[in-house]
Amino acid sequence: MDAQCSAKVNARKRRKEAPGPNGATEEDGVPFKVQRCAVGLRQPAPFSDEIEVDFSKPYVRVTMEEASRGTPCERPVRVYADGIFDLFHSGHARALMQAKNLFPNTYLIVGVCSDELTHNFKGFTVMNENERYDAVQHCRYVDEVVRNAPWTLTPEFLAEHRIDFVAHDDIPYSSAGSDDVYKHIKEAGMFAPTQRTEGISTSDIITRIVRDYDVYARRNLQRGYTAKELNVSFINEKKYHLQERVDKVKKKVKDVEEKSKEFVQKVEEKSIDLIQKWEEKSREFIGSFLEMFGPEGALKHMLKEGKGRMLQAISPKQSPSSSPTRERSPSPSFRWPFSGKTSPPCSPANLSRHKAAAYDIRRSYLEQSKFGSHVLLTQVE
C-alpha cells in the first residue's frame, strides 16, 4: 500500500513539474493542458448513515500545511461542504468541484439540510429533501452525503464525521441569529474558502420563473397540465389559450413574410440576370445594325457598287471614232400579226421622226434612273 501511495504522489509531482507543449510549467504561471484519464462513477455517493466507521482508531486532524503537501492514500483529507442545494445547478456543482480540489488527496462530504430546518431558517423550497439528497448524490465530486445536516456545525458533529476542513464561500452567511454561521469555524482554522459562481443561483432561477410566470403557465398548459395542477383560474386559462392562438397566427404571418422576402429576393436576382443578358444582346444587336446600316456600313458600299453597275448598264461606253463605219442595213418592214399584208416602207421623213422619238425616250429614261439613284442614296445617308 505504501509503495502504491508513493508511486501516485511521485506521478503527481512529475505531472506538475513536467513541461507543457511550449516548454512552460505550472510553476512558471503558465497553465498547460494535461491529458485526463477519468473513470466514470457507476454508483451514486453513499449516505453517511449507511457507512460503517471504525471508531477504534483515534482520529487526528491534519494541518493546512500537511493537507496541501499531500496525505497518504489511506488517510485522505476529509472536507465538509453543506447547503440547501435546491434546484441543483451549475453553481452548486462548481462549488463542490472546488471543494474536491482543495487538496491533492480529498474525501468530500456534503451535508444537505432537511425541509423542516430549511423552511424554518431560510424559506420554502421548490424541491423536497429527498429530491435534493438524490441530486447531490449523483454529483461526480461527492464521496459521501449527510442527510438532515445541522444548520450550525457543532464540535460534536465535526468529531463524529472526522472532518478536517469546512469548505464554503468567504462571504459572511448571516442566519439563525448570527452574523456569520461559519465564524467559529474560521476562528478554529478549519475554514477553506471557495469562490461563488456569478450569474447563477437558486434565487435567480426562481426570479426568472416568477417574472415569466405567464410564459411558463402557457407552456405547461400546452404540454397537457391542467389549470388545477397549475393553480390557474378559469379566466386566466382561457386567456392563456387565446394568447397561444394569437402567437400561432403571428408565427404563421412571420413565416409568410420571410418566405415572401425570399421569393422577392430570388425574383430580383433573376431580373438582374435577365437585364444583364438583355443589355449584352442589345449591344450585340446595335453593333450589328451599325455595321450594316451605319455611315460606313456594308449597305452603303453595296449601294455604291450597285449605282456604278447601274450607270454602266444604262450608259455604255461609246465606240471609238476611229472604228470603221458600217452601213446600217435597212430595218425590216413591220408586219402586224395575223396580217397577210406587209406595211409600206417608211419614207425618209418618217424615219427621221422615229429616230427623234427614240432619242427622247432614251434620254428621259436615263434622267429618271439618275434621279432615283440619287434619292435612294440620299435617304440611306
Protein backbone atom coordinates (compact mmCIF):
# COMPACT_ATOMS: atom_id res chain seq x y z
CA MET A 1 0.00 0.00 0.00
CA ASP A 2 2.83 2.40 0.88
CA ALA A 3 4.56 1.67 -2.40
CA GLN A 4 1.36 2.38 -4.36
CA CYS A 5 0.78 5.61 -2.47
CA SER A 6 4.34 6.84 -3.02
CA ALA A 7 4.09 5.98 -6.70
CA LYS A 8 0.89 8.06 -7.04
CA VAL A 9 2.49 11.00 -5.21
CA ASN A 10 5.60 10.84 -7.42
CA ALA A 11 3.44 10.63 -10.54
CA ARG A 12 1.50 13.68 -9.36
CA LYS A 13 4.77 15.58 -8.78
CA ARG A 14 6.10 14.60 -12.21
CA ARG A 15 2.86 15.74 -13.83
CA LYS A 16 3.14 19.06 -12.03
CA GLU A 17 6.80 19.57 -12.87
CA ALA A 18 6.58 18.28 -16.43
CA PRO A 19 6.91 20.96 -19.10
CA GLY A 20 3.98 21.80 -21.25
CA PRO A 21 3.80 21.80 -25.06
CA ASN A 22 5.65 25.13 -25.20
CA GLY A 23 8.23 24.22 -22.51
CA ALA A 24 6.40 26.05 -19.71
CA THR A 25 5.43 24.58 -16.34
CA GLU A 26 2.72 25.36 -13.83
CA GLU A 27 5.34 26.91 -11.57
CA ASP A 28 6.05 29.49 -14.27
CA GLY A 29 2.46 30.62 -14.00
CA VAL A 30 1.53 29.39 -17.49
CA PRO A 31 -1.21 26.74 -17.42
CA PHE A 32 -0.97 23.82 -19.81
CA LYS A 33 -3.29 21.02 -20.74
CA VAL A 34 -2.66 17.56 -19.32
CA GLN A 35 -4.33 14.53 -20.84
CA ARG A 36 -7.00 13.31 -18.44
CA CYS A 37 -7.95 9.70 -17.86
CA ALA A 38 -11.12 9.92 -15.77
CA VAL A 39 -13.09 6.84 -14.84
CA GLY A 40 -16.82 7.46 -14.65
CA LEU A 41 -18.59 6.52 -11.43
CA ARG A 42 -21.06 3.67 -11.66
CA GLN A 43 -22.93 4.25 -8.39
CA PRO A 44 -24.17 7.39 -6.58
CA ALA A 45 -22.39 8.59 -3.46
CA PRO A 46 -23.45 6.69 -0.30
CA PHE A 47 -25.21 8.25 2.68
CA SER A 48 -23.19 8.69 5.86
CA ASP A 49 -25.62 6.62 7.94
CA GLU A 50 -25.07 3.69 5.57
CA ILE A 51 -21.27 3.61 6.03
CA GLU A 52 -19.62 1.65 8.85
CA VAL A 53 -16.93 3.72 10.55
CA ASP A 54 -14.16 2.18 12.65
CA PHE A 55 -14.08 4.34 15.77
CA SER A 56 -11.44 2.16 17.41
CA LYS A 57 -8.69 4.14 15.74
CA PRO A 58 -8.22 7.68 17.07
CA TYR A 59 -8.76 10.46 14.59
CA VAL A 60 -6.25 13.30 14.48
CA ARG A 61 -6.88 16.33 12.32
CA VAL A 62 -4.31 17.30 9.73
CA THR A 63 -2.96 20.80 9.44
CA MET A 64 -3.32 23.01 6.39
CA GLU A 65 0.35 22.53 5.57
CA GLU A 66 0.09 18.73 5.73
CA ALA A 67 -3.09 18.74 3.66
CA SER A 68 -1.55 20.99 0.99
CA ARG A 69 1.58 18.84 0.81
CA GLY A 70 -0.41 15.65 0.32
CA THR A 71 -1.57 12.99 2.74
CA PRO A 72 -1.20 9.19 2.47
CA CYS A 73 -3.72 7.30 0.40
CA GLU A 74 -5.25 5.62 3.43
CA ARG A 75 -5.65 8.99 5.12
CA PRO A 76 -7.34 11.49 2.75
CA VAL A 77 -8.22 15.00 3.88
CA ARG A 78 -11.89 14.96 4.89
CA VAL A 79 -13.54 18.16 3.63
CA TYR A 80 -17.13 19.04 4.52
CA ALA A 81 -19.44 21.29 2.49
CA ASP A 82 -23.09 21.91 3.36
CA GLY A 83 -26.03 23.69 1.79
CA ILE A 84 -29.68 23.50 0.71
CA PHE A 85 -28.92 22.59 -2.94
CA ASP A 86 -32.44 23.45 -4.12
CA LEU A 87 -32.83 23.32 -7.92
CA PHE A 88 -29.32 21.86 -8.18
CA HIS A 89 -27.48 23.86 -10.83
CA SER A 90 -24.00 24.51 -12.18
CA GLY A 91 -23.17 26.94 -9.37
CA HIS A 92 -23.62 24.14 -6.84
CA ALA A 93 -21.56 21.72 -8.94
CA ARG A 94 -18.73 24.23 -9.32
CA ALA A 95 -18.61 24.88 -5.57
CA LEU A 96 -18.36 21.13 -4.88
CA MET A 97 -15.70 20.79 -7.57
CA GLN A 98 -13.61 23.47 -5.87
CA ALA A 99 -14.04 21.74 -2.50
CA LYS A 100 -12.96 18.44 -4.02
CA ASN A 101 -9.82 20.02 -5.49
CA LEU A 102 -8.70 21.96 -2.41
CA PHE A 103 -6.04 19.36 -1.62
CA PRO A 104 -4.25 16.63 -3.61
CA ASN A 105 -6.00 13.84 -1.68
CA THR A 106 -9.53 14.88 -0.70
CA TYR A 107 -12.56 12.98 0.56
CA LEU A 108 -15.60 15.25 0.09
CA ILE A 109 -18.55 15.00 2.50
CA VAL A 110 -21.64 17.04 1.60
CA GLY A 111 -24.35 17.87 4.13
CA VAL A 112 -27.90 18.62 2.94
CA CYS A 113 -30.40 20.25 5.31
CA SER A 114 -33.90 18.82 5.71
CA ASP A 115 -37.14 20.52 4.63
CA GLU A 116 -38.18 21.35 8.21
CA LEU A 117 -34.88 23.02 9.03
CA THR A 118 -34.75 24.90 5.74
CA HIS A 119 -38.34 26.17 5.96
CA ASN A 120 -37.71 27.47 9.46
CA PHE A 121 -34.43 29.29 8.78
CA LYS A 122 -34.49 30.16 5.07
CA GLY A 123 -37.81 29.61 3.38
CA PHE A 124 -39.87 27.29 1.24
CA THR A 125 -38.01 25.11 -1.27
CA VAL A 126 -39.04 24.01 -4.74
CA MET A 127 -37.61 20.50 -4.37
CA ASN A 128 -38.29 18.38 -1.33
CA GLU A 129 -35.48 16.94 0.77
CA ASN A 130 -35.44 13.54 -0.93
CA GLU A 131 -35.10 15.15 -4.34
CA ARG A 132 -32.28 17.34 -3.05
CA TYR A 133 -30.50 14.37 -1.46
CA ASP A 134 -30.73 12.47 -4.73
CA ALA A 135 -29.43 15.41 -6.78
CA VAL A 136 -26.31 15.77 -4.60
CA GLN A 137 -25.76 12.01 -4.58
CA HIS A 138 -25.32 11.99 -8.33
CA CYS A 139 -22.71 14.77 -8.46
CA ARG A 140 -19.40 13.25 -9.52
CA TYR A 141 -17.33 15.20 -6.97
CA VAL A 142 -19.22 13.92 -3.90
CA ASP A 143 -17.91 10.95 -1.90
CA GLU A 144 -20.48 10.92 0.91
CA VAL A 145 -23.82 12.61 1.67
CA VAL A 146 -25.07 13.58 5.13
CA ARG A 147 -28.86 13.71 5.33
CA ASN A 148 -30.60 16.10 7.73
CA ALA A 149 -27.41 18.11 8.19
CA PRO A 150 -27.34 20.67 11.04
CA TRP A 151 -27.74 24.37 10.34
CA THR A 152 -24.83 25.29 12.62
CA LEU A 153 -21.81 23.00 12.85
CA THR A 154 -21.03 21.83 16.38
CA PRO A 155 -17.77 20.29 17.66
CA GLU A 156 -19.65 17.04 18.25
CA PHE A 157 -20.78 16.90 14.60
CA LEU A 158 -17.27 17.65 13.35
CA ALA A 159 -15.80 14.92 15.53
CA GLU A 160 -18.49 12.40 14.58
CA HIS A 161 -17.76 12.73 10.87
CA ARG A 162 -14.00 13.26 11.45
CA ILE A 163 -13.98 16.49 9.47
CA ASP A 164 -10.68 18.27 8.86
CA PHE A 165 -11.87 21.38 6.96
CA VAL A 166 -15.15 23.06 6.07
CA ALA A 167 -15.48 24.48 2.54
CA HIS A 168 -17.77 27.41 1.72
CA ASP A 169 -17.57 30.80 0.03
CA ASP A 170 -15.95 33.50 2.12
CA ILE A 171 -19.00 35.80 2.16
CA PRO A 172 -20.44 36.01 5.71
CA TYR A 173 -23.59 33.88 5.93
CA SER A 174 -25.96 35.54 8.38
CA SER A 175 -28.66 33.25 9.75
CA ALA A 176 -30.06 31.79 12.99
CA GLY A 177 -29.37 34.98 14.91
CA SER A 178 -25.69 35.09 13.91
CA ASP A 179 -23.83 37.41 11.63
CA ASP A 180 -21.81 34.50 10.26
CA VAL A 181 -22.62 30.86 11.00
CA TYR A 182 -19.06 29.90 9.98
CA LYS A 183 -17.37 32.37 12.32
CA HIS A 184 -16.27 29.75 14.87
CA ILE A 185 -15.01 27.51 12.05
CA LYS A 186 -12.84 30.33 10.73
CA GLU A 187 -11.50 31.06 14.21
CA ALA A 188 -10.56 27.38 14.63
CA GLY A 189 -8.54 27.43 11.40
CA MET A 190 -10.78 24.82 9.75
CA PHE A 191 -12.30 27.04 7.05
CA ALA A 192 -11.31 26.53 3.38
CA PRO A 193 -12.83 29.25 1.14
CA THR A 194 -14.28 28.63 -2.32
CA GLN A 195 -15.50 31.05 -4.99
CA ARG A 196 -19.14 31.66 -5.87
CA THR A 197 -20.26 31.34 -9.48
CA GLU A 198 -21.67 34.70 -10.50
CA GLY A 199 -24.89 34.92 -12.51
CA ILE A 200 -26.45 31.68 -11.31
CA SER A 201 -28.22 30.83 -8.06
CA THR A 202 -31.43 29.23 -6.86
CA SER A 203 -32.91 32.66 -6.12
CA ASP A 204 -32.08 33.84 -9.65
CA ILE A 205 -33.83 30.82 -11.18
CA ILE A 206 -36.94 31.38 -9.05
CA THR A 207 -36.91 35.06 -10.02
CA ARG A 208 -36.92 34.12 -13.70
CA ILE A 209 -39.90 31.81 -13.20
CA VAL A 210 -41.87 34.45 -11.29
CA ARG A 211 -41.02 37.14 -13.84
CA ASP A 212 -42.07 34.97 -16.79
CA TYR A 213 -44.93 33.25 -15.00
CA ASP A 214 -47.40 33.65 -17.88
CA VAL A 215 -44.95 32.15 -20.36
CA TYR A 216 -44.30 29.06 -18.24
CA ALA A 217 -48.00 28.66 -17.36
CA ARG A 218 -48.91 28.70 -21.07
CA ARG A 219 -46.03 26.29 -21.77
CA ASN A 220 -47.27 23.74 -19.23
CA LEU A 221 -50.90 24.12 -20.29
CA GLN A 222 -49.82 23.34 -23.84
CA ARG A 223 -47.95 20.25 -22.60
CA GLY A 224 -51.07 18.78 -21.01
CA TYR A 225 -51.08 20.09 -17.44
CA THR A 226 -54.48 21.11 -16.10
CA ALA A 227 -55.34 24.53 -14.75
CA LYS A 228 -55.95 22.97 -11.35
CA GLU A 229 -52.45 21.49 -11.26
CA LEU A 230 -51.00 24.88 -12.15
CA ASN A 231 -53.32 26.73 -9.74
CA VAL A 232 -54.60 28.85 -12.62
CA SER A 233 -58.08 30.34 -12.59
CA PHE A 234 -60.68 29.65 -15.31
CA ILE A 235 -60.39 33.17 -16.76
CA ASN A 236 -56.58 33.02 -16.89
CA GLU A 237 -56.75 29.60 -18.51
CA LYS A 238 -58.94 30.96 -21.34
CA LYS A 239 -56.69 34.00 -21.64
CA TYR A 240 -53.60 31.81 -21.98
CA HIS A 241 -55.28 29.67 -24.65
CA LEU A 242 -56.25 32.81 -26.58
CA GLN A 243 -52.70 34.15 -26.33
CA GLU A 244 -51.38 30.84 -27.59
CA ARG A 245 -53.63 31.03 -30.66
CA VAL A 246 -52.63 34.64 -31.31
CA ASP A 247 -48.96 33.67 -31.09
CA LYS A 248 -49.51 30.86 -33.59
CA VAL A 249 -51.16 33.29 -36.02
CA LYS A 250 -48.28 35.74 -35.56
CA LYS A 251 -45.80 32.97 -36.21
CA LYS A 252 -47.61 31.98 -39.42
CA VAL A 253 -47.68 35.60 -40.59
CA LYS A 254 -43.99 35.92 -39.82
CA ASP A 255 -43.23 32.74 -41.74
CA VAL A 256 -45.22 34.03 -44.73
CA GLU A 257 -43.34 37.35 -44.61
CA GLU A 258 -39.99 35.59 -44.53
CA LYS A 259 -40.97 33.34 -47.44
CA SER A 260 -42.24 36.33 -49.44
CA LYS A 261 -38.98 38.18 -48.79
CA GLU A 262 -37.04 35.16 -50.02
CA PHE A 263 -39.25 34.97 -53.14
CA VAL A 264 -38.82 38.69 -53.88
CA GLN A 265 -35.09 38.35 -53.41
CA LYS A 266 -34.94 35.45 -55.84
CA VAL A 267 -37.05 37.37 -58.39
CA GLU A 268 -34.75 40.38 -58.06
CA GLU A 269 -31.70 38.22 -58.62
CA LYS A 270 -33.27 36.62 -61.70
CA SER A 271 -34.42 40.01 -63.05
CA ILE A 272 -30.92 41.39 -62.64
CA ASP A 273 -29.55 38.44 -64.60
CA LEU A 274 -32.17 38.94 -67.34
CA ILE A 275 -31.41 42.67 -67.57
CA GLN A 276 -27.70 41.97 -67.87
CA LYS A 277 -28.31 39.40 -70.61
CA TRP A 278 -30.68 41.79 -72.41
CA GLU A 279 -28.08 44.57 -72.27
CA GLU A 280 -25.46 42.25 -73.70
CA LYS A 281 -27.80 41.15 -76.52
CA SER A 282 -28.86 44.74 -77.22
CA ARG A 283 -25.21 45.82 -77.53
CA GLU A 284 -24.61 42.99 -79.97
CA PHE A 285 -27.73 43.97 -81.98
CA ILE A 286 -26.78 47.65 -82.10
CA GLY A 287 -23.25 46.76 -83.18
CA SER A 288 -24.55 44.50 -85.97
CA PHE A 289 -27.03 47.19 -87.09
CA LEU A 290 -24.31 49.84 -87.25
CA GLU A 291 -22.04 47.50 -89.17
CA MET A 292 -24.82 47.00 -91.71
CA PHE A 293 -26.61 50.39 -91.84
CA GLY A 294 -24.07 52.82 -90.36
CA PRO A 295 -22.37 55.72 -92.20
CA GLU A 296 -19.58 53.40 -93.24
CA GLY A 297 -21.66 50.25 -93.21
CA ALA A 298 -21.86 47.42 -95.64
CA LEU A 299 -25.14 48.66 -97.15
CA LYS A 300 -23.61 51.94 -98.27
CA HIS A 301 -20.79 50.13 -100.02
CA MET A 302 -23.27 47.79 -101.64
CA LEU A 303 -25.37 50.72 -102.92
CA LYS A 304 -22.32 52.49 -104.27
CA GLU A 305 -21.28 49.38 -106.14
CA GLY A 306 -24.87 48.89 -107.42
CA LYS A 307 -25.05 52.52 -108.56
CA GLY A 308 -21.84 52.15 -110.54
CA ARG A 309 -23.02 48.95 -112.16
CA MET A 310 -26.42 50.52 -112.99
CA LEU A 311 -24.80 53.53 -114.62
CA GLN A 312 -22.56 51.28 -116.63
CA ALA A 313 -25.54 49.22 -117.75
CA ILE A 314 -27.65 52.28 -118.67
CA SER A 315 -24.95 54.31 -120.45
CA PRO A 316 -22.36 52.01 -122.00
CA LYS A 317 -19.15 53.41 -123.35
CA GLN A 318 -19.30 54.84 -126.88
CA SER A 319 -17.36 53.09 -129.58
CA PRO A 320 -14.15 54.83 -130.61
CA SER A 321 -14.29 57.29 -133.50
CA SER A 322 -11.53 55.51 -135.40
CA SER A 323 -13.62 52.41 -135.82
CA PRO A 324 -14.85 51.87 -139.40
CA THR A 325 -18.32 52.91 -140.10
CA ARG A 326 -20.74 50.32 -141.20
CA GLU A 327 -23.68 50.87 -143.34
CA ARG A 328 -26.80 50.19 -141.38
CA SER A 329 -28.97 47.69 -143.05
CA PRO A 330 -32.44 48.81 -143.71
CA SER A 331 -34.77 47.86 -140.93
CA PRO A 332 -37.19 45.19 -141.92
CA SER A 333 -40.67 46.23 -142.52
CA PHE A 334 -43.02 45.93 -139.56
CA ARG A 335 -45.67 43.36 -140.03
CA TRP A 336 -48.81 43.15 -137.93
CA PRO A 337 -49.54 39.82 -136.57
CA PHE A 338 -52.15 37.80 -138.30
CA SER A 339 -51.90 40.17 -141.18
CA GLY A 340 -51.15 38.94 -144.64
CA LYS A 341 -50.07 42.30 -145.95
CA THR A 342 -46.77 43.92 -145.22
CA SER A 343 -46.52 47.51 -144.02
CA PRO A 344 -45.47 50.02 -146.55
CA PRO A 345 -41.87 51.13 -146.39
CA CYS A 346 -41.15 54.30 -144.38
CA SER A 347 -40.28 57.42 -146.13
CA PRO A 348 -37.13 59.42 -145.21
CA ALA A 349 -39.23 61.94 -143.32
CA ASN A 350 -40.98 59.29 -141.25
CA LEU A 351 -37.66 57.62 -140.44
CA SER A 352 -36.17 60.84 -139.01
CA ARG A 353 -39.23 61.33 -136.80
CA HIS A 354 -38.88 57.78 -135.42
CA LYS A 355 -35.23 58.39 -134.55
CA ALA A 356 -36.04 61.61 -132.73
CA ALA A 357 -38.78 59.96 -130.69
CA ALA A 358 -36.48 57.06 -129.70
CA TYR A 359 -33.78 59.50 -128.59
CA ASP A 360 -36.26 61.44 -126.43
CA ILE A 361 -37.47 58.22 -124.71
CA ARG A 362 -33.92 57.08 -124.03
CA ARG A 363 -32.95 60.46 -122.58
CA SER A 364 -35.98 60.66 -120.21
CA TYR A 365 -35.36 57.12 -119.00
CA LEU A 366 -31.70 57.95 -118.24
CA GLU A 367 -32.66 61.09 -116.33
CA GLN A 368 -35.28 59.22 -114.30
CA SER A 369 -32.77 56.48 -113.44
CA LYS A 370 -30.17 59.01 -112.27
CA PHE A 371 -32.78 60.89 -110.20
CA GLY A 372 -33.99 57.64 -108.48
CA SER A 373 -30.46 56.51 -107.58
CA HIS A 374 -29.69 59.95 -106.15
CA VAL A 375 -32.84 59.91 -103.97
CA LEU A 376 -32.08 56.39 -102.68
CA LEU A 377 -28.52 57.30 -101.74
CA THR A 378 -29.71 60.45 -100.00
CA GLN A 379 -32.18 58.50 -97.85
CA VAL A 380 -29.57 55.93 -96.81
CA GLU A 381 -27.01 58.60 -95.91
